[in-house]
Every structure is written in structure tokens, then in C-alpha cells.
Amino acid sequence: MTRTLLSIAAATCVAFGHAAGAAGDAAAGKEKAAQCQQCHGLDGNSPTPQFPNIGGQHAKYIVQALEDYKTGERQEPVMAAFAATLSKQDREDLAAWYAGQGGLYTIEFNE
């Protein structure tokens, strides 16, 4: 019984965590993600190990990473050039889209 309650609580936190962290519009983010798909894949799960998987990543993390590329805090020429073109709303929309995608790794709870 305790294990079941913990599983339900954890699943609820994950579900609400993604929604709470996503201040942007996921539908708009999907449209804006066209440039991202070349490296990060259609749903944020990269087709090659050369590029990170961002599908299912927390929205706040994605927003912060894009801001860091834009300001130069994170150094990567392609990402810096891409991030330089993004408004705050663009970053939040992209983050909402990718946060709502499934990642390659999921946690399964077994009783």
C-alpha cells in the first residue's frame, strides 16, 4: 500500500512539475522548434549521441540553458548563434514544447 501511494505521489509530482515549469505555449514552441530538430530530433530525442536529448527536460532548465547561451555563460557557437535570436517568450515556448515531450528514459514504478 505504501509503495502504491509513493508511486502515485511521485507520478503526480512529475506531471505537475512539468506543467508548473512551463510558462510558455507548447504549440508555439513546436512551431519554433523547426531549427532545433536538425540536431535534437523531432521530439527532442537526438538521432545521434553527438547532440543532447532535450525531450522531457524540465522547462526551467531549458529556459536557463538558452539564456546562458545567449549571454555567453555557456559556450557553444551554434547554440549561441541560435539563442541570440530568441526572445524571452521564444525561450519559454520552446521549453514548454520540449518539457512536454517524452524523454528516452522513463521511470517505471512497480509494486
Protein backbone atom coordinates (compact mmCIF):
# COMPACT_ATOMS: atom_id res chain seq x y z
CA MET A 1 0.00 0.00 0.00
CA THR A 2 2.78 2.41 0.94
CA ARG A 3 4.61 1.65 -2.28
CA THR A 4 1.47 2.37 -4.31
CA LEU A 5 0.94 5.71 -2.55
CA LEU A 6 4.56 6.68 -3.13
CA SER A 7 4.22 5.77 -6.80
CA ILE A 8 1.09 7.90 -7.15
CA ALA A 9 2.72 10.81 -5.33
CA ALA A 10 5.85 10.64 -7.48
CA ALA A 11 3.86 10.45 -10.72
CA THR A 12 1.75 13.42 -9.63
CA CYS A 13 4.84 15.48 -8.83
CA VAL A 14 6.35 14.71 -12.23
CA ALA A 15 3.15 15.59 -14.07
CA PHE A 16 2.57 18.83 -12.20
CA GLY A 17 6.26 19.68 -12.20
CA HIS A 18 6.32 19.82 -15.98
CA ALA A 19 3.15 21.90 -16.15
CA ALA A 20 4.26 24.27 -13.40
CA GLY A 21 7.66 24.84 -15.01
CA ALA A 22 6.25 25.58 -18.44
CA ALA A 23 5.35 29.26 -18.68
CA GLY A 24 5.37 29.19 -22.45
CA ASP A 25 2.99 27.98 -25.13
CA ALA A 26 3.90 24.44 -26.21
CA ALA A 27 2.06 24.73 -29.55
CA ALA A 28 4.03 27.87 -30.40
CA GLY A 29 7.19 26.14 -29.19
CA LYS A 30 6.57 23.23 -31.55
CA GLU A 31 6.48 25.65 -34.49
CA LYS A 32 9.61 27.44 -33.29
CA ALA A 33 11.46 24.14 -32.80
CA ALA A 34 11.93 23.56 -36.55
CA GLN A 35 15.56 24.72 -36.37
CA CYS A 36 16.22 22.60 -33.28
CA GLN A 37 15.05 19.38 -34.90
CA GLN A 38 18.06 19.02 -37.13
CA CYS A 39 20.29 18.28 -34.14
CA HIS A 40 17.90 17.42 -31.32
CA GLY A 41 15.36 15.35 -33.29
CA LEU A 42 11.64 15.84 -33.88
CA ASP A 43 10.70 15.40 -30.23
CA GLY A 44 13.95 16.43 -28.57
CA ASN A 45 15.45 12.94 -28.62
CA SER A 46 18.58 13.33 -30.69
CA PRO A 47 19.14 10.91 -33.55
CA THR A 48 22.87 10.86 -32.75
CA PRO A 49 24.84 10.83 -29.49
CA GLN A 50 26.67 13.97 -30.64
CA PHE A 51 23.76 16.17 -29.52
CA PRO A 52 21.98 16.14 -26.16
CA ASN A 53 18.47 14.83 -25.69
CA ILE A 54 16.20 17.62 -24.51
CA GLY A 55 12.82 15.88 -24.81
CA GLY A 56 11.23 15.65 -21.36
CA GLN A 57 13.79 18.02 -19.82
CA HIS A 58 12.46 20.44 -17.20
CA ALA A 59 11.23 23.68 -18.76
CA LYS A 60 13.12 25.89 -16.31
CA TYR A 61 16.36 24.12 -17.19
CA ILE A 62 15.80 24.65 -20.93
CA VAL A 63 14.97 28.33 -20.44
CA GLN A 64 18.09 28.81 -18.31
CA ALA A 65 20.33 26.96 -20.77
CA LEU A 66 19.08 29.09 -23.67
CA GLU A 67 19.59 32.26 -21.63
CA ASP A 68 23.11 31.13 -20.75
CA TYR A 69 23.93 30.52 -24.43
CA LYS A 70 22.52 33.94 -25.29
CA THR A 71 24.60 35.74 -22.64
CA GLY A 72 27.75 33.70 -23.28
CA GLU A 73 27.66 31.98 -19.89
CA ARG A 74 27.60 28.69 -21.83
CA GLN A 75 29.95 28.40 -24.77
CA GLU A 76 28.90 26.60 -27.95
CA PRO A 77 28.98 28.58 -31.21
CA VAL A 78 25.94 27.06 -32.92
CA MET A 79 23.74 27.27 -29.83
CA ALA A 80 24.97 30.79 -29.04
CA ALA A 81 24.05 31.98 -32.55
CA PHE A 82 20.63 30.33 -32.35
CA ALA A 83 19.91 31.58 -28.81
CA ALA A 84 20.90 35.12 -29.76
CA THR A 85 17.81 35.28 -32.00
CA LEU A 86 15.37 34.14 -29.30
CA SER A 87 13.15 36.41 -27.25
CA LYS A 88 12.20 35.52 -23.68
CA GLN A 89 8.83 34.29 -24.97
CA ASP A 90 10.57 32.17 -27.63
CA ARG A 91 12.71 30.52 -24.95
CA GLU A 92 9.67 29.82 -22.77
CA ASP A 93 7.68 28.44 -25.70
CA LEU A 94 10.50 26.11 -26.74
CA ALA A 95 10.91 24.99 -23.15
CA ALA A 96 7.19 24.25 -22.85
CA TRP A 97 7.28 22.17 -26.03
CA TYR A 98 10.33 20.11 -25.10
CA ALA A 99 9.29 19.66 -21.46
CA GLY A 100 6.07 18.07 -22.67
CA GLN A 101 7.86 15.55 -24.88
CA GLY A 102 8.82 12.11 -23.69
CA GLY A 103 12.43 11.53 -22.92
CA LEU A 104 14.39 8.46 -23.90
CA TYR A 105 14.43 7.32 -20.31
CA THR A 106 11.30 6.93 -18.23
CA ILE A 107 10.84 5.83 -14.66
CA GLU A 108 8.53 2.92 -14.10
CA PHE A 109 7.09 2.15 -10.71
CA ASN A 110 6.49 -1.49 -9.88
CA GLU A 111 4.66 -2.80 -6.86
